[in-house]
Amino acid sequence: MLPTTLSPVPLAPELSLYLVTEPVGLFDLTGGEFHSDRPPPFWAFAWAGGQALARFLLDHPFEVSGRRVLDVATGSGVAAIAAAYAGAAAVACSDIDPAAVEAAHRNASANGLSLVGRLDDPEVLLAGDVFYSPTVAPKMVAELRAARNRGAQVLVGDPGRGFFPGHLFDLVAEYVVPVPTTLEDTETLVTGVWRMRSSRN
């Protein structure tokens, strides 16, 4: 396990996460290498998209209150935890990296909240910072559109990643999000919260 410190989320200080606080980048934590069979520790950072989603849900709890929520590609779990904080009936998270799911549950516990292990038929899907590569983006689009077609609301946090399919979404909020310069080469990112349109639109 990487050395992490329980720290307030910059844009959502109501919540705290176990995060890497040293000035290191994502691949510094993997010895400077990428291993296709072992995802880098995305969960050790509070990415801009997740922070924006968290802020949006904390400010607009009616989006998730009393509903079943699934946070996909959860990373640190910040959006899932915000949904639980905002009164969701049940919140689950998923990620290709089991360490991220473990981190999300650990972070939820640190906030006096809990996530469920599995959730059938979610009413709201959350996805923060998921359109970062040409291989991941189409898979995420397919998963999110399938959920939208089943009637779920889909909310995405995105800071202008290169593979974000903006034509499928409507902007509902925008934030200036503090981010580690070691990750983004800047101190803040303007980040949108987007609602996926119905496929009938």
N, C-alpha and C. Protein backbone atom coordinates (compact mmCIF):
# COMPACT_ATOMS: atom_id res chain seq x y z
N MET A 1 0.85 -1.19 0.00
CA MET A 1 0.00 0.00 0.00
C MET A 1 0.88 1.25 0.00
N LEU A 2 0.51 2.22 -0.81
CA LEU A 2 1.28 3.46 -0.89
C LEU A 2 1.09 4.29 0.37
N PRO A 3 2.10 5.09 0.73
CA PRO A 3 1.93 5.98 1.88
C PRO A 3 0.94 7.10 1.55
N THR A 4 -0.14 7.17 2.28
CA THR A 4 -1.17 8.18 2.05
C THR A 4 -1.51 8.87 3.37
N THR A 5 -2.10 10.04 3.25
CA THR A 5 -2.50 10.83 4.41
C THR A 5 -3.96 11.20 4.25
N LEU A 6 -4.73 11.11 5.32
CA LEU A 6 -6.13 11.51 5.27
C LEU A 6 -6.19 13.02 5.15
N SER A 7 -6.70 13.50 4.02
CA SER A 7 -6.64 14.92 3.69
C SER A 7 -7.99 15.39 3.16
N PRO A 8 -8.38 16.64 3.46
CA PRO A 8 -9.63 17.17 2.90
C PRO A 8 -9.54 17.26 1.37
N VAL A 9 -10.65 16.99 0.72
CA VAL A 9 -10.72 17.15 -0.74
C VAL A 9 -10.73 18.65 -1.04
N PRO A 10 -9.83 19.14 -1.89
CA PRO A 10 -9.72 20.59 -2.09
C PRO A 10 -11.04 21.28 -2.44
N LEU A 11 -11.81 20.72 -3.38
CA LEU A 11 -13.05 21.37 -3.80
C LEU A 11 -14.24 20.95 -2.94
N ALA A 12 -14.07 19.92 -2.14
CA ALA A 12 -15.16 19.41 -1.31
C ALA A 12 -14.62 19.08 0.08
N PRO A 13 -14.23 20.10 0.85
CA PRO A 13 -13.55 19.85 2.13
C PRO A 13 -14.44 19.20 3.18
N GLU A 14 -15.73 19.06 2.90
CA GLU A 14 -16.58 18.28 3.80
C GLU A 14 -16.12 16.83 3.86
N LEU A 15 -15.43 16.39 2.82
CA LEU A 15 -14.97 15.00 2.70
C LEU A 15 -13.46 14.93 2.81
N SER A 16 -12.97 13.82 3.33
CA SER A 16 -11.53 13.58 3.40
C SER A 16 -11.22 12.24 2.76
N LEU A 17 -10.06 12.15 2.13
CA LEU A 17 -9.62 10.92 1.46
C LEU A 17 -8.19 10.62 1.86
N TYR A 18 -7.85 9.34 1.81
CA TYR A 18 -6.45 8.95 1.96
C TYR A 18 -5.76 9.17 0.61
N LEU A 19 -4.93 10.20 0.55
CA LEU A 19 -4.30 10.60 -0.70
C LEU A 19 -2.79 10.67 -0.55
N VAL A 20 -2.09 10.52 -1.66
CA VAL A 20 -0.66 10.79 -1.69
C VAL A 20 -0.49 12.31 -1.60
N THR A 21 0.27 12.75 -0.64
CA THR A 21 0.44 14.20 -0.44
C THR A 21 1.82 14.67 -0.85
N GLU A 22 2.73 13.75 -1.13
CA GLU A 22 4.05 14.15 -1.61
C GLU A 22 3.93 14.66 -3.05
N PRO A 23 4.83 15.55 -3.47
CA PRO A 23 4.77 16.07 -4.84
C PRO A 23 5.28 15.06 -5.85
N VAL A 24 4.46 14.08 -6.15
CA VAL A 24 4.84 13.03 -7.10
C VAL A 24 3.76 12.90 -8.16
N GLY A 25 4.14 12.41 -9.32
CA GLY A 25 3.20 12.16 -10.39
C GLY A 25 2.69 10.73 -10.35
N LEU A 26 1.74 10.44 -11.20
CA LEU A 26 1.11 9.12 -11.22
C LEU A 26 2.12 8.02 -11.43
N PHE A 27 3.00 8.19 -12.42
CA PHE A 27 3.92 7.10 -12.77
C PHE A 27 5.18 7.11 -11.92
N ASP A 28 5.38 8.17 -11.12
CA ASP A 28 6.45 8.12 -10.12
C ASP A 28 6.18 7.01 -9.12
N LEU A 29 4.89 6.71 -8.93
CA LEU A 29 4.50 5.71 -7.94
C LEU A 29 4.61 4.29 -8.48
N THR A 30 4.93 4.15 -9.76
CA THR A 30 5.09 2.82 -10.34
C THR A 30 6.52 2.60 -10.81
N GLY A 31 7.44 3.39 -10.27
CA GLY A 31 8.83 3.28 -10.70
C GLY A 31 9.06 3.89 -12.07
N GLY A 32 8.17 4.76 -12.49
CA GLY A 32 8.31 5.41 -13.79
C GLY A 32 7.89 4.55 -14.95
N GLU A 33 7.24 3.42 -14.67
CA GLU A 33 6.86 2.48 -15.73
C GLU A 33 5.36 2.27 -15.76
N PHE A 34 4.87 1.93 -16.95
CA PHE A 34 3.47 1.56 -17.10
C PHE A 34 3.41 0.05 -17.34
N HIS A 35 2.57 -0.62 -16.56
CA HIS A 35 2.40 -2.07 -16.73
C HIS A 35 0.95 -2.32 -17.11
N SER A 36 0.73 -2.88 -18.30
CA SER A 36 -0.64 -3.04 -18.79
C SER A 36 -1.44 -3.99 -17.91
N ASP A 37 -0.77 -4.88 -17.18
CA ASP A 37 -1.49 -5.83 -16.34
C ASP A 37 -1.69 -5.30 -14.92
N ARG A 38 -1.18 -4.11 -14.64
CA ARG A 38 -1.29 -3.56 -13.30
C ARG A 38 -1.59 -2.06 -13.41
N PRO A 39 -2.84 -1.66 -13.21
CA PRO A 39 -3.19 -0.25 -13.40
C PRO A 39 -2.38 0.64 -12.46
N PRO A 40 -2.01 1.83 -12.92
CA PRO A 40 -1.35 2.78 -12.02
C PRO A 40 -2.32 3.21 -10.93
N PRO A 41 -1.82 3.74 -9.83
CA PRO A 41 -2.69 4.03 -8.67
C PRO A 41 -3.48 5.33 -8.82
N PHE A 42 -4.42 5.32 -9.76
CA PHE A 42 -5.30 6.48 -9.95
C PHE A 42 -6.01 6.85 -8.64
N TRP A 43 -6.27 5.83 -7.81
CA TRP A 43 -7.03 6.02 -6.57
C TRP A 43 -6.29 6.86 -5.53
N ALA A 44 -5.01 7.09 -5.73
CA ALA A 44 -4.22 7.81 -4.73
C ALA A 44 -4.30 9.33 -4.89
N PHE A 45 -5.07 9.79 -5.87
CA PHE A 45 -5.19 11.22 -6.15
C PHE A 45 -6.67 11.61 -6.26
N ALA A 46 -6.95 12.88 -5.98
CA ALA A 46 -8.30 13.42 -6.17
C ALA A 46 -8.32 14.13 -7.52
N TRP A 47 -8.76 13.42 -8.55
CA TRP A 47 -8.75 13.95 -9.91
C TRP A 47 -9.85 14.99 -10.08
N ALA A 48 -9.65 15.87 -11.04
CA ALA A 48 -10.55 17.02 -11.20
C ALA A 48 -11.99 16.60 -11.46
N GLY A 49 -12.20 15.60 -12.31
CA GLY A 49 -13.56 15.20 -12.63
C GLY A 49 -14.32 14.67 -11.43
N GLY A 50 -13.66 13.88 -10.62
CA GLY A 50 -14.29 13.36 -9.41
C GLY A 50 -14.58 14.45 -8.40
N GLN A 51 -13.65 15.40 -8.26
CA GLN A 51 -13.88 16.51 -7.35
C GLN A 51 -15.09 17.34 -7.78
N ALA A 52 -15.19 17.61 -9.08
CA ALA A 52 -16.31 18.39 -9.58
C ALA A 52 -17.64 17.68 -9.34
N LEU A 53 -17.68 16.39 -9.61
CA LEU A 53 -18.89 15.62 -9.33
C LEU A 53 -19.24 15.68 -7.85
N ALA A 54 -18.24 15.52 -7.00
CA ALA A 54 -18.49 15.56 -5.56
C ALA A 54 -19.08 16.90 -5.15
N ARG A 55 -18.49 18.00 -5.63
CA ARG A 55 -19.00 19.33 -5.28
C ARG A 55 -20.43 19.50 -5.76
N PHE A 56 -20.69 19.03 -6.98
CA PHE A 56 -22.03 19.16 -7.55
C PHE A 56 -23.06 18.41 -6.71
N LEU A 57 -22.74 17.20 -6.30
CA LEU A 57 -23.68 16.40 -5.52
C LEU A 57 -23.87 16.97 -4.12
N LEU A 58 -22.83 17.49 -3.53
CA LEU A 58 -22.96 18.10 -2.21
C LEU A 58 -23.84 19.35 -2.27
N ASP A 59 -23.75 20.08 -3.37
CA ASP A 59 -24.54 21.30 -3.54
C ASP A 59 -25.94 21.02 -4.08
N HIS A 60 -26.14 19.87 -4.71
CA HIS A 60 -27.43 19.51 -5.30
C HIS A 60 -27.80 18.08 -4.87
N PRO A 61 -28.02 17.87 -3.58
CA PRO A 61 -28.24 16.49 -3.10
C PRO A 61 -29.46 15.81 -3.70
N PHE A 62 -30.43 16.60 -4.18
CA PHE A 62 -31.63 16.00 -4.77
C PHE A 62 -31.31 15.14 -5.99
N GLU A 63 -30.14 15.33 -6.58
CA GLU A 63 -29.76 14.51 -7.73
C GLU A 63 -29.62 13.03 -7.37
N VAL A 64 -29.27 12.76 -6.11
CA VAL A 64 -29.03 11.37 -5.70
C VAL A 64 -29.80 10.96 -4.46
N SER A 65 -30.39 11.89 -3.75
CA SER A 65 -31.05 11.57 -2.48
C SER A 65 -32.13 10.51 -2.68
N GLY A 66 -32.03 9.45 -1.88
CA GLY A 66 -33.00 8.36 -1.95
C GLY A 66 -32.86 7.45 -3.14
N ARG A 67 -31.82 7.62 -3.93
CA ARG A 67 -31.64 6.83 -5.15
C ARG A 67 -30.48 5.84 -5.02
N ARG A 68 -30.50 4.84 -5.89
CA ARG A 68 -29.41 3.86 -5.97
C ARG A 68 -28.37 4.39 -6.97
N VAL A 69 -27.13 4.49 -6.51
CA VAL A 69 -26.09 5.17 -7.29
C VAL A 69 -24.91 4.23 -7.50
N LEU A 70 -24.40 4.23 -8.73
CA LEU A 70 -23.18 3.49 -9.06
C LEU A 70 -22.14 4.46 -9.58
N ASP A 71 -20.97 4.44 -8.97
CA ASP A 71 -19.83 5.26 -9.41
C ASP A 71 -18.88 4.35 -10.18
N VAL A 72 -18.78 4.55 -11.49
CA VAL A 72 -17.93 3.70 -12.32
C VAL A 72 -16.54 4.32 -12.45
N ALA A 73 -15.52 3.45 -12.58
CA ALA A 73 -14.13 3.91 -12.61
C ALA A 73 -13.89 4.83 -11.42
N THR A 74 -14.18 4.31 -10.24
CA THR A 74 -14.32 5.13 -9.03
C THR A 74 -13.05 5.82 -8.57
N GLY A 75 -11.88 5.24 -8.86
CA GLY A 75 -10.64 5.85 -8.38
C GLY A 75 -10.62 5.91 -6.86
N SER A 76 -10.50 7.10 -6.31
CA SER A 76 -10.48 7.27 -4.85
C SER A 76 -11.85 7.08 -4.22
N GLY A 77 -12.89 7.10 -5.05
CA GLY A 77 -14.25 6.99 -4.54
C GLY A 77 -14.88 8.30 -4.15
N VAL A 78 -14.27 9.42 -4.52
CA VAL A 78 -14.77 10.72 -4.04
C VAL A 78 -16.20 10.99 -4.48
N ALA A 79 -16.56 10.66 -5.72
CA ALA A 79 -17.93 10.91 -6.16
C ALA A 79 -18.91 9.98 -5.45
N ALA A 80 -18.53 8.73 -5.27
CA ALA A 80 -19.38 7.79 -4.55
C ALA A 80 -19.62 8.25 -3.12
N ILE A 81 -18.58 8.71 -2.47
CA ILE A 81 -18.69 9.15 -1.08
C ILE A 81 -19.56 10.39 -0.98
N ALA A 82 -19.42 11.29 -1.95
CA ALA A 82 -20.28 12.48 -1.97
C ALA A 82 -21.74 12.08 -2.14
N ALA A 83 -22.00 11.08 -2.97
CA ALA A 83 -23.38 10.62 -3.15
C ALA A 83 -23.94 10.06 -1.86
N ALA A 84 -23.14 9.27 -1.15
CA ALA A 84 -23.58 8.74 0.14
C ALA A 84 -23.83 9.86 1.14
N TYR A 85 -22.94 10.82 1.17
CA TYR A 85 -23.07 11.98 2.05
C TYR A 85 -24.35 12.76 1.73
N ALA A 86 -24.69 12.82 0.45
CA ALA A 86 -25.86 13.58 0.00
C ALA A 86 -27.17 12.83 0.19
N GLY A 87 -27.12 11.62 0.73
CA GLY A 87 -28.34 10.92 1.08
C GLY A 87 -28.81 9.87 0.11
N ALA A 88 -27.93 9.36 -0.74
CA ALA A 88 -28.33 8.28 -1.64
C ALA A 88 -28.79 7.07 -0.84
N ALA A 89 -29.74 6.34 -1.38
CA ALA A 89 -30.26 5.16 -0.69
C ALA A 89 -29.20 4.08 -0.56
N ALA A 90 -28.40 3.91 -1.60
CA ALA A 90 -27.30 2.96 -1.60
C ALA A 90 -26.32 3.38 -2.67
N VAL A 91 -25.04 3.19 -2.40
CA VAL A 91 -24.00 3.58 -3.35
C VAL A 91 -23.01 2.44 -3.50
N ALA A 92 -22.74 2.07 -4.74
CA ALA A 92 -21.71 1.08 -5.04
C ALA A 92 -20.68 1.72 -5.95
N CYS A 93 -19.53 1.10 -6.05
CA CYS A 93 -18.50 1.61 -6.95
C CYS A 93 -17.87 0.45 -7.70
N SER A 94 -17.33 0.76 -8.87
CA SER A 94 -16.64 -0.25 -9.66
C SER A 94 -15.38 0.35 -10.24
N ASP A 95 -14.42 -0.49 -10.54
CA ASP A 95 -13.16 -0.05 -11.13
C ASP A 95 -12.43 -1.27 -11.64
N ILE A 96 -11.64 -1.10 -12.70
CA ILE A 96 -10.86 -2.24 -13.19
C ILE A 96 -9.76 -2.61 -12.21
N ASP A 97 -9.41 -1.69 -11.31
CA ASP A 97 -8.36 -1.93 -10.33
C ASP A 97 -8.99 -2.26 -8.98
N PRO A 98 -8.83 -3.49 -8.49
CA PRO A 98 -9.40 -3.84 -7.18
C PRO A 98 -8.88 -2.93 -6.07
N ALA A 99 -7.67 -2.42 -6.21
CA ALA A 99 -7.13 -1.53 -5.19
C ALA A 99 -7.93 -0.24 -5.10
N ALA A 100 -8.49 0.20 -6.21
CA ALA A 100 -9.32 1.41 -6.20
C ALA A 100 -10.61 1.17 -5.44
N VAL A 101 -11.24 0.03 -5.67
CA VAL A 101 -12.47 -0.30 -4.93
C VAL A 101 -12.18 -0.38 -3.44
N GLU A 102 -11.06 -1.00 -3.09
CA GLU A 102 -10.67 -1.07 -1.67
C GLU A 102 -10.45 0.33 -1.12
N ALA A 103 -9.79 1.18 -1.89
CA ALA A 103 -9.52 2.55 -1.44
C ALA A 103 -10.83 3.31 -1.25
N ALA A 104 -11.78 3.14 -2.16
CA ALA A 104 -13.06 3.84 -2.05
C ALA A 104 -13.78 3.44 -0.77
N HIS A 105 -13.80 2.15 -0.46
CA HIS A 105 -14.45 1.69 0.77
C HIS A 105 -13.72 2.21 2.01
N ARG A 106 -12.39 2.23 1.96
CA ARG A 106 -11.61 2.75 3.08
C ARG A 106 -11.88 4.25 3.27
N ASN A 107 -11.94 4.97 2.16
CA ASN A 107 -12.22 6.40 2.24
C ASN A 107 -13.64 6.67 2.74
N ALA A 108 -14.59 5.86 2.31
CA ALA A 108 -15.96 6.02 2.81
C ALA A 108 -16.00 5.84 4.32
N SER A 109 -15.34 4.81 4.81
CA SER A 109 -15.31 4.55 6.25
C SER A 109 -14.70 5.71 7.01
N ALA A 110 -13.67 6.33 6.42
CA ALA A 110 -13.01 7.46 7.07
C ALA A 110 -13.95 8.65 7.21
N ASN A 111 -15.01 8.67 6.42
CA ASN A 111 -16.00 9.75 6.48
C ASN A 111 -17.27 9.31 7.22
N GLY A 112 -17.21 8.16 7.87
CA GLY A 112 -18.37 7.66 8.60
C GLY A 112 -19.49 7.19 7.71
N LEU A 113 -19.14 6.80 6.48
CA LEU A 113 -20.12 6.36 5.50
C LEU A 113 -19.79 4.95 5.03
N SER A 114 -20.69 4.34 4.30
CA SER A 114 -20.41 3.00 3.78
C SER A 114 -20.95 2.88 2.37
N LEU A 115 -20.25 2.07 1.58
CA LEU A 115 -20.66 1.73 0.23
C LEU A 115 -21.06 0.27 0.22
N VAL A 116 -21.99 -0.09 -0.67
CA VAL A 116 -22.39 -1.48 -0.78
C VAL A 116 -21.48 -2.18 -1.79
N GLY A 117 -21.43 -3.49 -1.69
CA GLY A 117 -20.54 -4.24 -2.57
C GLY A 117 -21.08 -4.41 -3.97
N ARG A 118 -22.39 -4.43 -4.08
CA ARG A 118 -23.02 -4.65 -5.40
C ARG A 118 -24.34 -3.92 -5.43
N LEU A 119 -24.71 -3.47 -6.63
CA LEU A 119 -25.96 -2.72 -6.77
C LEU A 119 -26.59 -3.06 -8.11
N ASP A 120 -27.78 -3.65 -8.05
CA ASP A 120 -28.50 -3.96 -9.28
C ASP A 120 -29.37 -2.78 -9.68
N ASP A 121 -29.48 -2.54 -10.97
CA ASP A 121 -30.39 -1.54 -11.51
C ASP A 121 -30.20 -0.16 -10.88
N PRO A 122 -28.99 0.42 -10.97
CA PRO A 122 -28.78 1.76 -10.40
C PRO A 122 -29.63 2.81 -11.11
N GLU A 123 -30.03 3.80 -10.34
CA GLU A 123 -30.84 4.89 -10.90
C GLU A 123 -29.99 6.07 -11.36
N VAL A 124 -28.78 6.16 -10.83
CA VAL A 124 -27.84 7.22 -11.21
C VAL A 124 -26.47 6.61 -11.40
N LEU A 125 -25.82 6.93 -12.52
CA LEU A 125 -24.42 6.55 -12.72
C LEU A 125 -23.55 7.80 -12.68
N LEU A 126 -22.42 7.68 -12.00
CA LEU A 126 -21.43 8.75 -11.92
C LEU A 126 -20.14 8.27 -12.56
N ALA A 127 -19.45 9.18 -13.25
CA ALA A 127 -18.16 8.84 -13.87
C ALA A 127 -17.30 10.09 -13.91
N GLY A 128 -16.19 10.06 -13.19
CA GLY A 128 -15.29 11.20 -13.16
C GLY A 128 -13.99 10.93 -13.88
N ASP A 129 -13.64 11.79 -14.81
CA ASP A 129 -12.35 11.70 -15.50
C ASP A 129 -12.13 10.35 -16.17
N VAL A 130 -13.09 9.93 -16.99
CA VAL A 130 -12.99 8.61 -17.60
C VAL A 130 -12.64 8.64 -19.09
N PHE A 131 -12.54 9.83 -19.67
CA PHE A 131 -12.32 9.92 -21.12
C PHE A 131 -10.89 10.36 -21.42
N TYR A 132 -9.93 9.65 -20.83
CA TYR A 132 -8.53 10.07 -20.90
C TYR A 132 -7.71 9.32 -21.95
N SER A 133 -8.29 8.31 -22.59
CA SER A 133 -7.51 7.58 -23.58
C SER A 133 -8.41 7.09 -24.70
N PRO A 134 -7.85 6.85 -25.89
CA PRO A 134 -8.68 6.42 -27.02
C PRO A 134 -9.18 4.99 -26.89
N THR A 135 -8.59 4.22 -26.00
CA THR A 135 -9.08 2.85 -25.80
C THR A 135 -10.15 2.80 -24.72
N VAL A 136 -10.01 3.62 -23.69
CA VAL A 136 -10.98 3.60 -22.59
C VAL A 136 -12.27 4.32 -22.96
N ALA A 137 -12.16 5.42 -23.68
CA ALA A 137 -13.33 6.26 -23.94
C ALA A 137 -14.50 5.52 -24.60
N PRO A 138 -14.28 4.75 -25.68
CA PRO A 138 -15.43 4.06 -26.30
C PRO A 138 -16.10 3.07 -25.36
N LYS A 139 -15.31 2.41 -24.53
CA LYS A 139 -15.89 1.46 -23.58
C LYS A 139 -16.76 2.18 -22.57
N MET A 140 -16.29 3.34 -22.11
CA MET A 140 -17.07 4.11 -21.15
C MET A 140 -18.35 4.63 -21.80
N VAL A 141 -18.26 5.10 -23.04
CA VAL A 141 -19.45 5.57 -23.74
C VAL A 141 -20.49 4.46 -23.83
N ALA A 142 -20.05 3.28 -24.20
CA ALA A 142 -20.98 2.15 -24.34
C ALA A 142 -21.66 1.83 -23.00
N GLU A 143 -20.88 1.81 -21.92
CA GLU A 143 -21.45 1.49 -20.61
C GLU A 143 -22.43 2.57 -20.15
N LEU A 144 -22.05 3.82 -20.33
CA LEU A 144 -22.90 4.91 -19.87
C LEU A 144 -24.17 5.03 -20.72
N ARG A 145 -24.04 4.84 -22.02
CA ARG A 145 -25.23 4.92 -22.88
C ARG A 145 -26.20 3.77 -22.59
N ALA A 146 -25.67 2.60 -22.30
CA ALA A 146 -26.54 1.47 -21.96
C ALA A 146 -27.34 1.79 -20.71
N ALA A 147 -26.67 2.38 -19.72
CA ALA A 147 -27.38 2.75 -18.49
C ALA A 147 -28.41 3.83 -18.76
N ARG A 148 -28.04 4.80 -19.58
CA ARG A 148 -28.99 5.89 -19.92
C ARG A 148 -30.20 5.33 -20.64
N ASN A 149 -29.97 4.39 -21.53
CA ASN A 149 -31.08 3.79 -22.28
C ASN A 149 -32.00 2.97 -21.38
N ARG A 150 -31.47 2.51 -20.25
CA ARG A 150 -32.29 1.79 -19.27
C ARG A 150 -33.05 2.75 -18.37
N GLY A 151 -32.81 4.05 -18.53
CA GLY A 151 -33.54 5.03 -17.75
C GLY A 151 -32.76 5.68 -16.63
N ALA A 152 -31.50 5.29 -16.43
CA ALA A 152 -30.69 5.89 -15.38
C ALA A 152 -30.24 7.29 -15.79
N GLN A 153 -30.09 8.15 -14.81
CA GLN A 153 -29.43 9.43 -15.04
C GLN A 153 -27.91 9.18 -15.05
N VAL A 154 -27.20 9.88 -15.90
CA VAL A 154 -25.74 9.71 -16.00
C VAL A 154 -25.10 11.08 -15.85
N LEU A 155 -24.25 11.21 -14.84
CA LEU A 155 -23.51 12.45 -14.60
C LEU A 155 -22.02 12.18 -14.72
N VAL A 156 -21.34 13.03 -15.47
CA VAL A 156 -19.91 12.86 -15.74
C VAL A 156 -19.18 14.13 -15.34
N GLY A 157 -18.04 13.96 -14.71
CA GLY A 157 -17.15 15.09 -14.45
C GLY A 157 -15.97 15.01 -15.39
N ASP A 158 -15.71 16.08 -16.14
CA ASP A 158 -14.62 16.05 -17.12
C ASP A 158 -13.97 17.43 -17.25
N PRO A 159 -12.63 17.47 -17.16
CA PRO A 159 -11.91 18.74 -17.26
C PRO A 159 -11.35 19.02 -18.65
N GLY A 160 -12.06 18.54 -19.67
CA GLY A 160 -11.59 18.79 -21.02
C GLY A 160 -10.60 17.76 -21.52
N ARG A 161 -10.72 16.53 -21.06
CA ARG A 161 -9.86 15.46 -21.58
C ARG A 161 -10.09 15.29 -23.08
N GLY A 162 -9.10 14.82 -23.76
CA GLY A 162 -9.11 14.83 -25.21
C GLY A 162 -10.12 13.93 -25.87
N PHE A 163 -10.68 12.96 -25.13
CA PHE A 163 -11.58 11.99 -25.75
C PHE A 163 -12.98 12.07 -25.18
N PHE A 164 -13.31 13.23 -24.59
CA PHE A 164 -14.65 13.43 -24.04
C PHE A 164 -15.65 13.68 -25.16
N PRO A 165 -16.71 12.86 -25.27
CA PRO A 165 -17.70 13.02 -26.35
C PRO A 165 -18.76 14.04 -25.99
N GLY A 166 -18.42 15.31 -26.08
CA GLY A 166 -19.30 16.36 -25.62
C GLY A 166 -20.65 16.40 -26.28
N HIS A 167 -20.76 15.86 -27.50
CA HIS A 167 -22.04 15.90 -28.21
C HIS A 167 -23.09 15.02 -27.56
N LEU A 168 -22.69 14.17 -26.64
CA LEU A 168 -23.64 13.28 -25.97
C LEU A 168 -24.15 13.85 -24.65
N PHE A 169 -23.67 15.04 -24.27
CA PHE A 169 -23.91 15.56 -22.93
C PHE A 169 -24.36 17.01 -22.96
N ASP A 170 -25.01 17.42 -21.86
CA ASP A 170 -25.33 18.82 -21.60
C ASP A 170 -24.59 19.26 -20.35
N LEU A 171 -23.99 20.44 -20.40
CA LEU A 171 -23.26 20.98 -19.25
C LEU A 171 -24.25 21.47 -18.20
N VAL A 172 -24.05 21.03 -16.95
CA VAL A 172 -24.96 21.46 -15.88
C VAL A 172 -24.26 22.28 -14.81
N ALA A 173 -22.94 22.20 -14.72
CA ALA A 173 -22.20 23.00 -13.75
C ALA A 173 -20.74 23.04 -14.18
N GLU A 174 -20.03 24.05 -13.68
CA GLU A 174 -18.61 24.18 -14.01
C GLU A 174 -17.87 24.73 -12.80
N TYR A 175 -16.69 24.18 -12.55
CA TYR A 175 -15.91 24.54 -11.38
C TYR A 175 -14.45 24.75 -11.77
N VAL A 176 -13.78 25.59 -11.01
CA VAL A 176 -12.32 25.71 -11.10
C VAL A 176 -11.76 24.81 -9.99
N VAL A 177 -11.15 23.72 -10.37
CA VAL A 177 -10.78 22.67 -9.43
C VAL A 177 -9.28 22.72 -9.12
N PRO A 178 -8.90 22.82 -7.85
CA PRO A 178 -7.48 22.72 -7.50
C PRO A 178 -6.97 21.30 -7.78
N VAL A 179 -5.82 21.20 -8.42
CA VAL A 179 -5.23 19.90 -8.75
C VAL A 179 -3.73 19.93 -8.48
N PRO A 180 -3.11 18.77 -8.23
CA PRO A 180 -1.66 18.74 -8.03
C PRO A 180 -0.92 19.08 -9.33
N THR A 181 0.01 19.98 -9.25
CA THR A 181 0.77 20.37 -10.44
C THR A 181 1.58 19.21 -10.99
N THR A 182 1.93 18.25 -10.13
CA THR A 182 2.69 17.10 -10.59
C THR A 182 1.87 16.20 -11.50
N LEU A 183 0.55 16.31 -11.41
CA LEU A 183 -0.33 15.51 -12.28
C LEU A 183 -0.71 16.26 -13.55
N GLU A 184 -1.00 17.54 -13.40
CA GLU A 184 -1.66 18.28 -14.49
C GLU A 184 -0.83 19.41 -15.07
N ASP A 185 0.35 19.71 -14.51
CA ASP A 185 1.17 20.83 -14.98
C ASP A 185 0.45 22.17 -14.85
N THR A 186 -0.51 22.25 -13.94
CA THR A 186 -1.22 23.49 -13.64
C THR A 186 -1.80 23.34 -12.26
N GLU A 187 -2.16 24.46 -11.64
CA GLU A 187 -2.69 24.42 -10.28
C GLU A 187 -4.21 24.23 -10.24
N THR A 188 -4.89 24.57 -11.34
CA THR A 188 -6.35 24.42 -11.39
C THR A 188 -6.76 23.96 -12.79
N LEU A 189 -7.91 23.31 -12.85
CA LEU A 189 -8.51 22.91 -14.12
C LEU A 189 -9.98 23.30 -14.11
N VAL A 190 -10.42 23.99 -15.15
CA VAL A 190 -11.86 24.25 -15.30
C VAL A 190 -12.52 22.93 -15.69
N THR A 191 -13.45 22.51 -14.87
CA THR A 191 -14.01 21.16 -15.00
C THR A 191 -15.53 21.22 -15.04
N GLY A 192 -16.11 20.56 -16.02
CA GLY A 192 -17.56 20.55 -16.16
C GLY A 192 -18.18 19.32 -15.54
N VAL A 193 -19.40 19.48 -15.06
CA VAL A 193 -20.26 18.35 -14.73
C VAL A 193 -21.31 18.30 -15.83
N TRP A 194 -21.43 17.13 -16.42
CA TRP A 194 -22.24 16.96 -17.63
C TRP A 194 -23.29 15.88 -17.41
N ARG A 195 -24.49 16.11 -17.96
CA ARG A 195 -25.56 15.13 -17.90
C ARG A 195 -25.73 14.50 -19.29
N MET A 196 -25.71 13.19 -19.35
CA MET A 196 -25.86 12.51 -20.63
C MET A 196 -27.29 12.67 -21.15
N ARG A 197 -27.38 13.01 -22.43
CA ARG A 197 -28.70 13.16 -23.05
C ARG A 197 -29.34 11.80 -23.28
N SER A 198 -30.63 11.80 -23.38
CA SER A 198 -31.33 10.60 -23.80
C SER A 198 -30.94 10.30 -25.24
N SER A 199 -30.86 9.04 -25.59
CA SER A 199 -30.50 8.66 -26.96
C SER A 199 -31.57 9.08 -27.95
N ARG A 200 -32.74 9.46 -27.44
CA ARG A 200 -33.83 9.92 -28.33
C ARG A 200 -33.65 11.36 -28.74
N ASN A 201 -32.73 12.07 -28.02
CA ASN A 201 -32.52 13.50 -28.33
C ASN A 201 -31.60 13.68 -29.52
